[in-house]
């Protein structure tokens, strides 16, 4: 591997790139080891992006729990109405 290859592999991503890849990262959709490592390095050093990732994980966990429980039909109808108005 050349010095150029090393530089490409160690490319640090900025917050805009990290947020753009956040959902794919959290969903386990990033298969490229170098990209995954870049994301992990950024989250390890950026408090703002790390906090955002933790919030997104908490939301996802809460949504999973909600999907496993029965919701009253009236609540489902209210949610449909809100979504339809968007």
C-alpha atoms as a PDB file:
ATOM      1  CA  UNK A   1       0.000   0.000   0.000  1.00  0.00           C
ATOM      2  CA  UNK A   2       1.374   3.432  -0.892  1.00  0.00           C
ATOM      3  CA  UNK A   3       1.374   6.617   1.164  1.00  0.00           C
ATOM      4  CA  UNK A   4      -1.518   7.853  -0.982  1.00  0.00           C
ATOM      5  CA  UNK A   5      -3.554   4.760  -0.073  1.00  0.00           C
ATOM      6  CA  UNK A   6      -2.789   5.331   3.623  1.00  0.00           C
ATOM      7  CA  UNK A   7      -4.028   8.909   3.370  1.00  0.00           C
ATOM      8  CA  UNK A   8      -7.233   7.811   1.666  1.00  0.00           C
ATOM      9  CA  UNK A   9      -7.873   5.163   4.308  1.00  0.00           C
ATOM     10  CA  UNK A  10      -7.283   7.601   7.164  1.00  0.00           C
ATOM     11  CA  UNK A  11      -9.414  10.390   5.670  1.00  0.00           C
ATOM     12  CA  UNK A  12     -11.255  12.058   8.501  1.00  0.00           C
ATOM     13  CA  UNK A  13     -14.869  12.890   7.835  1.00  0.00           C
ATOM     14  CA  UNK A  14     -16.509  16.119   8.932  1.00  0.00           C
ATOM     15  CA  UNK A  15     -19.842  16.503  10.725  1.00  0.00           C
ATOM     16  CA  UNK A  16     -21.801  16.967   7.506  1.00  0.00           C
ATOM     17  CA  UNK A  17     -20.465  13.672   6.130  1.00  0.00           C
ATOM     18  CA  UNK A  18     -21.033  11.924   9.466  1.00  0.00           C
ATOM     19  CA  UNK A  19     -24.654  13.043   9.734  1.00  0.00           C
ATOM     20  CA  UNK A  20     -25.204  12.072   6.102  1.00  0.00           C
ATOM     21  CA  UNK A  21     -24.023   8.529   6.891  1.00  0.00           C
ATOM     22  CA  UNK A  22     -25.485   8.282  10.393  1.00  0.00           C
ATOM     23  CA  UNK A  23     -28.640   6.317   9.594  1.00  0.00           C
ATOM     24  CA  UNK A  24     -26.789   3.850   7.382  1.00  0.00           C
ATOM     25  CA  UNK A  25     -24.219   3.412  10.156  1.00  0.00           C
ATOM     26  CA  UNK A  26     -26.824   2.891  12.877  1.00  0.00           C
ATOM     27  CA  UNK A  27     -28.737   0.448  10.693  1.00  0.00           C
ATOM     28  CA  UNK A  28     -25.563  -1.568  10.028  1.00  0.00           C
ATOM     29  CA  UNK A  29     -25.653  -0.789   6.318  1.00  0.00           C
ATOM     30  CA  UNK A  30     -22.042   0.388   6.016  1.00  0.00           C
ATOM     31  CA  UNK A  31     -20.071  -2.649   4.897  1.00  0.00           C
ATOM     32  CA  UNK A  32     -16.895  -0.850   3.855  1.00  0.00           C
ATOM     33  CA  UNK A  33     -14.443  -1.278   6.752  1.00  0.00           C
ATOM     34  CA  UNK A  34     -12.659   2.012   6.067  1.00  0.00           C
ATOM     35  CA  UNK A  35     -15.910   4.007   5.990  1.00  0.00           C
ATOM     36  CA  UNK A  36     -17.139   2.311   9.144  1.00  0.00           C
ATOM     37  CA  UNK A  37     -13.833   3.084  10.883  1.00  0.00           C
ATOM     38  CA  UNK A  38     -14.031   6.725   9.753  1.00  0.00           C
ATOM     39  CA  UNK A  39     -17.525   6.996  11.198  1.00  0.00           C
ATOM     40  CA  UNK A  40     -16.487   5.389  14.479  1.00  0.00           C
ATOM     41  CA  UNK A  41     -13.446   7.655  14.721  1.00  0.00           C
ATOM     42  CA  UNK A  42     -15.578  10.730  14.112  1.00  0.00           C
ATOM     43  CA  UNK A  43     -18.182   9.695  16.708  1.00  0.00           C
ATOM     44  CA  UNK A  44     -15.407   9.000  19.214  1.00  0.00           C
ATOM     45  CA  UNK A  45     -14.058  12.538  18.846  1.00  0.00           C
ATOM     46  CA  UNK A  46     -17.123  14.673  18.087  1.00  0.00           C
ATOM     47  CA  UNK A  47     -19.400  15.229  21.055  1.00  0.00           C
ATOM     48  CA  UNK A  48     -22.166  16.753  18.932  1.00  0.00           C
ATOM     49  CA  UNK A  49     -22.368  13.882  16.431  1.00  0.00           C
ATOM     50  CA  UNK A  50     -21.999  11.308  19.195  1.00  0.00           C
ATOM     51  CA  UNK A  51     -24.919  12.891  21.055  1.00  0.00           C
ATOM     52  CA  UNK A  52     -26.978  12.878  17.876  1.00  0.00           C
ATOM     53  CA  UNK A  53     -26.211   9.197  17.311  1.00  0.00           C
ATOM     54  CA  UNK A  54     -27.237   8.367  20.878  1.00  0.00           C
ATOM     55  CA  UNK A  55     -30.500  10.281  20.459  1.00  0.00           C
ATOM     56  CA  UNK A  56     -31.266   8.489  17.187  1.00  0.00           C
ATOM     57  CA  UNK A  57     -30.533   5.108  18.773  1.00  0.00           C
ATOM     58  CA  UNK A  58     -32.853   5.932  21.687  1.00  0.00           C
ATOM     59  CA  UNK A  59     -35.617   6.967  19.279  1.00  0.00           C
ATOM     60  CA  UNK A  60     -35.165   3.776  17.253  1.00  0.00           C
ATOM     61  CA  UNK A  61     -35.285   1.672  20.409  1.00  0.00           C
ATOM     62  CA  UNK A  62     -38.455   3.429  21.560  1.00  0.00           C
ATOM     63  CA  UNK A  63     -40.092   2.923  18.157  1.00  0.00           C
ATOM     64  CA  UNK A  64     -39.246  -0.780  18.284  1.00  0.00           C
ATOM     65  CA  UNK A  65     -40.872  -1.060  21.707  1.00  0.00           C
ATOM     66  CA  UNK A  66     -43.947   0.827  20.510  1.00  0.00           C
ATOM     67  CA  UNK A  67     -44.273  -1.439  17.474  1.00  0.00           C
ATOM     68  CA  UNK A  68     -44.364  -4.475  19.755  1.00  0.00           C
ATOM     69  CA  UNK A  69     -47.217  -3.181  21.883  1.00  0.00           C
ATOM     70  CA  UNK A  70     -50.845  -2.870  20.935  1.00  0.00           C
ATOM     71  CA  UNK A  71     -52.019   0.655  20.309  1.00  0.00           C
ATOM     72  CA  UNK A  72     -55.633   1.703  20.639  1.00  0.00           C
ATOM     73  CA  UNK A  73     -57.397   2.152  17.302  1.00  0.00           C
ATOM     74  CA  UNK A  74     -58.225   5.774  18.216  1.00  0.00           C
ATOM     75  CA  UNK A  75     -54.526   6.574  18.563  1.00  0.00           C
ATOM     76  CA  UNK A  76     -53.758   4.909  15.256  1.00  0.00           C
ATOM     77  CA  UNK A  77     -56.519   6.930  13.570  1.00  0.00           C
ATOM     78  CA  UNK A  78     -55.201  10.184  15.058  1.00  0.00           C
ATOM     79  CA  UNK A  79     -51.703   9.392  13.808  1.00  0.00           C
ATOM     80  CA  UNK A  80     -53.021   8.615  10.329  1.00  0.00           C
ATOM     81  CA  UNK A  81     -54.844  11.951  10.281  1.00  0.00           C
ATOM     82  CA  UNK A  82     -51.729  13.859  11.323  1.00  0.00           C
ATOM     83  CA  UNK A  83     -49.632  12.095   8.695  1.00  0.00           C
ATOM     84  CA  UNK A  84     -52.249  12.691   5.992  1.00  0.00           C
ATOM     85  CA  UNK A  85     -52.179  16.440   6.743  1.00  0.00           C
ATOM     86  CA  UNK A  86     -48.432  16.606   6.227  1.00  0.00           C
END
